[in-house]
Amino acid sequence: MCGFVGLIDFSGSSIEHYAFLDSALRDLHRRGPDDCDRWEGTDGELVGFTRLSIRDLSKSGSQPM
């Protein structure tokens, strides 16, 4: 399994949003302990994911982020 989390803040990203994303990724760690990454858009979008490697165990099997 994998886990995804995201949020959009139209007023711009702030430190609280990064703290929320990091906390959510820690909570999702059990769903995907093999990899974790985050992405920030230009308009305040934050997305994070965790990955559980089952089939493709190489780095080429990572999520597109």
Protein backbone atom coordinates (compact mmCIF):
# COMPACT_ATOMS: atom_id res chain seq x y z
CA MET A 1 0.00 0.00 0.00
CA CYS A 2 0.93 3.60 -0.38
CA GLY A 3 -0.35 6.74 1.23
CA PHE A 4 -1.06 10.19 -0.19
CA VAL A 5 -1.80 13.48 1.54
CA GLY A 6 -2.23 16.99 0.21
CA LEU A 7 -3.52 20.45 0.90
CA ILE A 8 -4.07 23.71 -0.91
CA ASP A 9 -3.62 27.12 0.67
CA PHE A 10 -4.64 29.93 -1.64
CA SER A 11 -3.02 32.52 0.62
CA GLY A 12 0.46 30.96 0.17
CA SER A 13 2.43 28.26 1.96
CA SER A 14 3.38 28.75 5.58
CA ILE A 15 5.40 26.87 8.18
CA GLU A 16 2.22 25.42 9.76
CA HIS A 17 1.34 23.72 6.50
CA TYR A 18 4.77 22.11 6.27
CA ALA A 19 4.39 20.92 9.87
CA PHE A 20 0.96 19.47 9.02
CA LEU A 21 2.34 17.68 5.96
CA ASP A 22 5.28 16.24 7.90
CA SER A 23 2.94 15.06 10.68
CA ALA A 24 0.60 13.43 8.16
CA LEU A 25 3.53 11.69 6.43
CA ARG A 26 4.70 10.33 9.79
CA ASP A 27 1.18 8.95 10.35
CA LEU A 28 1.23 7.36 6.86
CA HIS A 29 4.67 5.79 7.37
CA ARG A 30 3.12 2.41 8.27
CA ARG A 31 1.36 2.34 4.89
CA GLY A 32 4.58 2.90 2.97
CA PRO A 33 7.83 2.67 4.90
CA ASP A 34 10.09 2.26 1.85
CA ASP A 35 9.99 5.76 0.38
CA CYS A 36 8.63 9.19 1.17
CA ASP A 37 8.64 12.46 -0.75
CA ARG A 38 6.82 15.77 -0.97
CA TRP A 39 6.06 18.26 -3.70
CA GLU A 40 5.20 21.95 -3.54
CA GLY A 41 3.35 23.72 -6.33
CA THR A 42 3.65 27.36 -7.26
CA ASP A 43 0.20 28.32 -5.91
CA GLY A 44 0.42 26.90 -2.39
CA GLU A 45 -0.28 23.24 -3.16
CA LEU A 46 1.52 20.69 -0.99
CA VAL A 47 1.41 16.95 -1.73
CA GLY A 48 3.21 14.13 0.02
CA PHE A 49 3.32 10.37 -0.42
CA THR A 50 4.69 7.23 1.16
CA ARG A 51 5.53 4.08 -0.80
CA LEU A 52 5.55 0.40 0.02
CA SER A 53 7.81 -1.46 -2.42
CA ILE A 54 6.26 -4.79 -3.38
CA ARG A 55 6.87 -5.44 -7.06
CA ASP A 56 9.54 -3.11 -8.37
CA LEU A 57 12.03 -2.76 -5.52
CA SER A 58 14.40 -0.57 -7.52
CA LYS A 59 14.44 3.25 -7.47
CA SER A 60 12.89 3.23 -10.97
CA GLY A 61 9.65 1.99 -9.36
CA SER A 62 9.30 5.18 -7.33
CA GLN A 63 6.30 7.46 -7.58
CA PRO A 64 6.43 10.13 -10.29
CA MET A 65 7.10 12.88 -7.78
